[in-house]
């Protein structure tokens, strides 16, 4: 149990670092693709935090995955937006 929490925390911090890298790329290039990607990784980080706080057996557990769905939709929007602009 303790090892699972450790890896969940490591994954959460990794997602935050990835989001910060994309924010830095966005500041440097002003390309919206990087901003969308940073937002998607923040959503994925939030989903990890909510899953760590909630117990799995609650009736709200399936709704947590809508955060992950929002992250993937944001990535799709970013790719479509990038392809339409260029």
Foldseek 3Di string as FASTA:
>chain_A
DVVVVVVLVVVLVVLQVQLVVLVVVCVVPVQCLSVLLSVLSVLVSVLSVVPVVDDCPDPCNVVSCVSNVVSVVSNVVSVVVVVVVD
